[in-house]
Amino acid sequence: VQLQASGGGLVQAGGSLTLTCAASGDISSIIAITWYRQAPGKQRELVGTMTKTGATSYAAFVEGRFAIPMDNAKNLLYLQMNNLKPEDTALYYCNLAIWRLGIRTDYWGHGTQVTVSS
C-alpha cells in the first residue's frame, strides 16, 4: 500500500482546503483513517480519525471545522477543512491502518503543507 497526499497550500484565515490522500493497493481490510499534523517546533498531533464503520472522532481544536470523508470506490481519503485559522498551519499527514495477516499495519503518506495567513 502506498499513500500519496496532496491538496496543501496557502489560504487566508477563514478559508477552506481539502487534503486528499490517494491509496494504492489493497485496502479492503482497513481499520481506520487518521490525519495528523506537525507544526514547526511542535510534536506531531492527531487531527481526526474515521474507522471502518464510519465513526469519527476529532481533536478538541477541530471544533467542528474538519471532516474526514472517504471515496471507497476510488480509494481516496480526504480531510476537509473549513474556517481555517493561522494556528492550523502545519505539515499534514494521512495514516491508514490495515489488517495484514492478522496484524495491524500502518501506512503513512508524505506530508502536505498547509499555511494559513492572518
C-alpha atoms as a PDB file:
ATOM      1  CA  VAL A   1       0.000   0.000   0.000  1.00  0.00           C
ATOM      2  CA  GLN A   2       1.206   3.467  -0.853  1.00  0.00           C
ATOM      3  CA  LEU A   3      -0.340   6.787   0.096  1.00  0.00           C
ATOM      4  CA  GLN A   4       0.048   9.943  -1.940  1.00  0.00           C
ATOM      5  CA  ALA A   5      -1.038  13.141  -0.214  1.00  0.00           C
ATOM      6  CA  SER A   6      -1.930  16.369  -1.975  1.00  0.00           C
ATOM      7  CA  GLY A   7      -4.032  19.493  -1.650  1.00  0.00           C
ATOM      8  CA  GLY A   8      -1.989  21.594   0.706  1.00  0.00           C
ATOM      9  CA  GLY A   9      -1.350  25.245   0.047  1.00  0.00           C
ATOM     10  CA  LEU A  10      -1.659  28.794   1.251  1.00  0.00           C
ATOM     11  CA  VAL A  11      -5.046  30.061   2.343  1.00  0.00           C
ATOM     12  CA  GLN A  12      -6.300  33.077   4.231  1.00  0.00           C
ATOM     13  CA  ALA A  13      -7.812  32.732   7.669  1.00  0.00           C
ATOM     14  CA  GLY A  14     -11.437  31.732   7.392  1.00  0.00           C
ATOM     15  CA  GLY A  15     -10.825  29.894   4.145  1.00  0.00           C
ATOM     16  CA  SER A  16     -11.125  26.222   3.274  1.00  0.00           C
ATOM     17  CA  LEU A  17      -8.885  23.478   1.953  1.00  0.00           C
ATOM     18  CA  THR A  18      -9.410  19.830   1.180  1.00  0.00           C
ATOM     19  CA  LEU A  19      -6.476  17.482   1.512  1.00  0.00           C
ATOM     20  CA  THR A  20      -6.515  14.252  -0.451  1.00  0.00           C
ATOM     21  CA  CYS A  21      -4.701  11.027   0.275  1.00  0.00           C
ATOM     22  CA  ALA A  22      -4.747   8.582  -2.637  1.00  0.00           C
ATOM     23  CA  ALA A  23      -4.231   4.984  -1.601  1.00  0.00           C
ATOM     24  CA  SER A  24      -2.880   2.394  -3.995  1.00  0.00           C
ATOM     25  CA  GLY A  25      -3.000  -1.328  -3.295  1.00  0.00           C
ATOM     26  CA  ASP A  26      -5.421  -3.490  -1.384  1.00  0.00           C
ATOM     27  CA  ILE A  27      -7.018  -1.540   1.435  1.00  0.00           C
ATOM     28  CA  SER A  28     -10.057  -3.750   1.832  1.00  0.00           C
ATOM     29  CA  SER A  29      -9.069  -4.665   5.396  1.00  0.00           C
ATOM     30  CA  ILE A  30      -8.990  -1.079   6.556  1.00  0.00           C
ATOM     31  CA  ILE A  31      -9.165  -0.391  10.280  1.00  0.00           C
ATOM     32  CA  ALA A  32      -9.066   3.398  10.326  1.00  0.00           C
ATOM     33  CA  ILE A  33      -8.002   6.528   8.533  1.00  0.00           C
ATOM     34  CA  THR A  34      -6.244   9.132  10.625  1.00  0.00           C
ATOM     35  CA  TRP A  35      -4.919  12.566   9.824  1.00  0.00           C
ATOM     36  CA  TYR A  36      -2.071  14.060  11.830  1.00  0.00           C
ATOM     37  CA  ARG A  37      -0.297  17.364  11.686  1.00  0.00           C
ATOM     38  CA  GLN A  38       3.000  18.767  12.840  1.00  0.00           C
ATOM     39  CA  ALA A  39       3.725  22.442  13.214  1.00  0.00           C
ATOM     40  CA  PRO A  40       7.287  23.766  13.296  1.00  0.00           C
ATOM     41  CA  GLY A  41       8.882  23.140  16.653  1.00  0.00           C
ATOM     42  CA  LYS A  42       5.951  21.064  17.867  1.00  0.00           C
ATOM     43  CA  GLN A  43       5.215  17.375  18.162  1.00  0.00           C
ATOM     44  CA  ARG A  44       3.006  15.588  15.711  1.00  0.00           C
ATOM     45  CA  GLU A  45      -0.614  15.620  16.872  1.00  0.00           C
ATOM     46  CA  LEU A  46      -3.728  13.751  15.886  1.00  0.00           C
ATOM     47  CA  VAL A  47      -6.308  15.739  13.937  1.00  0.00           C
ATOM     48  CA  GLY A  48      -9.052  13.197  13.416  1.00  0.00           C
ATOM     49  CA  THR A  49      -9.877   9.552  12.790  1.00  0.00           C
ATOM     50  CA  MET A  50     -12.504   7.687  10.849  1.00  0.00           C
ATOM     51  CA  THR A  51     -12.936   3.961  11.484  1.00  0.00           C
ATOM     52  CA  LYS A  52     -14.111   1.344   9.010  1.00  0.00           C
ATOM     53  CA  THR A  53     -17.624   1.658  10.408  1.00  0.00           C
ATOM     54  CA  GLY A  54     -17.655   5.358   9.652  1.00  0.00           C
ATOM     55  CA  ALA A  55     -17.341   6.503  13.236  1.00  0.00           C
ATOM     56  CA  THR A  56     -15.307   9.677  13.542  1.00  0.00           C
ATOM     57  CA  SER A  57     -13.505  11.450  16.318  1.00  0.00           C
ATOM     58  CA  TYR A  58     -11.577  14.698  16.259  1.00  0.00           C
ATOM     59  CA  ALA A  59      -9.134  16.605  18.376  1.00  0.00           C
ATOM     60  CA  ALA A  60     -10.649  19.319  20.512  1.00  0.00           C
ATOM     61  CA  PHE A  61      -9.023  22.059  18.444  1.00  0.00           C
ATOM     62  CA  VAL A  62     -11.034  20.994  15.380  1.00  0.00           C
ATOM     63  CA  GLU A  63     -14.221  22.419  16.918  1.00  0.00           C
ATOM     64  CA  GLY A  64     -16.441  21.061  14.161  1.00  0.00           C
ATOM     65  CA  ARG A  65     -14.463  22.644  11.345  1.00  0.00           C
ATOM     66  CA  PHE A  66     -12.994  19.486   9.757  1.00  0.00           C
ATOM     67  CA  ALA A  67     -14.392  16.289   8.272  1.00  0.00           C
ATOM     68  CA  ILE A  68     -12.833  13.019   7.074  1.00  0.00           C
ATOM     69  CA  PRO A  69     -14.838  11.558   4.188  1.00  0.00           C
ATOM     70  CA  MET A  70     -13.655   8.685   2.045  1.00  0.00           C
ATOM     71  CA  ASP A  71     -14.403   7.674  -1.522  1.00  0.00           C
ATOM     72  CA  ASN A  72     -14.264   3.891  -1.245  1.00  0.00           C
ATOM     73  CA  ALA A  73     -14.642   3.330  -4.961  1.00  0.00           C
ATOM     74  CA  LYS A  74     -11.574   5.424  -5.749  1.00  0.00           C
ATOM     75  CA  ASN A  75      -9.527   4.686  -2.623  1.00  0.00           C
ATOM     76  CA  LEU A  76      -9.376   8.396  -1.851  1.00  0.00           C
ATOM     77  CA  LEU A  77      -9.198   9.715   1.684  1.00  0.00           C
ATOM     78  CA  TYR A  78      -9.959  13.334   2.429  1.00  0.00           C
ATOM     79  CA  LEU A  79      -9.528  15.927   5.136  1.00  0.00           C
ATOM     80  CA  GLN A  80     -11.970  18.740   4.545  1.00  0.00           C
ATOM     81  CA  MET A  81     -11.007  21.833   6.486  1.00  0.00           C
ATOM     82  CA  ASN A  82     -13.198  24.904   6.889  1.00  0.00           C
ATOM     83  CA  ASN A  83     -12.816  28.165   8.755  1.00  0.00           C
ATOM     84  CA  LEU A  84      -9.065  27.712   8.895  1.00  0.00           C
ATOM     85  CA  LYS A  85      -7.038  29.588  11.484  1.00  0.00           C
ATOM     86  CA  PRO A  86      -3.373  30.622  11.445  1.00  0.00           C
ATOM     87  CA  GLU A  87      -2.740  28.063  14.173  1.00  0.00           C
ATOM     88  CA  ASP A  88      -3.794  25.336  11.732  1.00  0.00           C
ATOM     89  CA  THR A  89      -0.573  25.961   9.829  1.00  0.00           C
ATOM     90  CA  ALA A  90       1.327  22.679   9.790  1.00  0.00           C
ATOM     91  CA  LEU A  91       2.508  19.727   7.751  1.00  0.00           C
ATOM     92  CA  TYR A  92      -0.437  17.348   7.470  1.00  0.00           C
ATOM     93  CA  TYR A  93      -0.037  13.566   7.180  1.00  0.00           C
ATOM     94  CA  CYS A  94      -2.503  10.810   6.369  1.00  0.00           C
ATOM     95  CA  ASN A  95      -2.264   7.447   8.070  1.00  0.00           C
ATOM     96  CA  LEU A  96      -4.017   4.263   7.055  1.00  0.00           C
ATOM     97  CA  ALA A  97      -4.266   1.317   9.427  1.00  0.00           C
ATOM     98  CA  ILE A  98      -4.958  -2.062   7.794  1.00  0.00           C
ATOM     99  CA  TRP A  99      -5.084  -5.666   8.921  1.00  0.00           C
ATOM    100  CA  ARG A 100      -2.279  -7.653   7.281  1.00  0.00           C
ATOM    101  CA  LEU A 101      -2.203 -11.351   8.157  1.00  0.00           C
ATOM    102  CA  GLY A 102      -3.951 -10.561  11.411  1.00  0.00           C
ATOM    103  CA  ILE A 103      -1.513  -7.813  12.354  1.00  0.00           C
ATOM    104  CA  ARG A 104      -2.276  -4.112  12.375  1.00  0.00           C
ATOM    105  CA  THR A 105      -0.065  -2.411   9.820  1.00  0.00           C
ATOM    106  CA  ASP A 106       0.211   1.349   9.455  1.00  0.00           C
ATOM    107  CA  TYR A 107       0.971   3.218   6.270  1.00  0.00           C
ATOM    108  CA  TRP A 108       1.883   6.882   6.025  1.00  0.00           C
ATOM    109  CA  GLY A 109       1.652   9.419   3.273  1.00  0.00           C
ATOM    110  CA  HIS A 110       4.269  12.119   2.939  1.00  0.00           C
ATOM    111  CA  GLY A 111       3.247  15.387   4.484  1.00  0.00           C
ATOM    112  CA  THR A 112       1.443  18.141   2.653  1.00  0.00           C
ATOM    113  CA  GLN A 113       1.944  21.699   3.862  1.00  0.00           C
ATOM    114  CA  VAL A 114      -0.966  23.880   4.917  1.00  0.00           C
ATOM    115  CA  THR A 115      -0.243  27.527   5.589  1.00  0.00           C
ATOM    116  CA  VAL A 116      -2.952  29.842   6.887  1.00  0.00           C
ATOM    117  CA  SER A 117      -2.280  33.565   6.751  1.00  0.00           C
ATOM    118  CA  SER A 118      -3.928  36.021   9.100  1.00  0.00           C
END
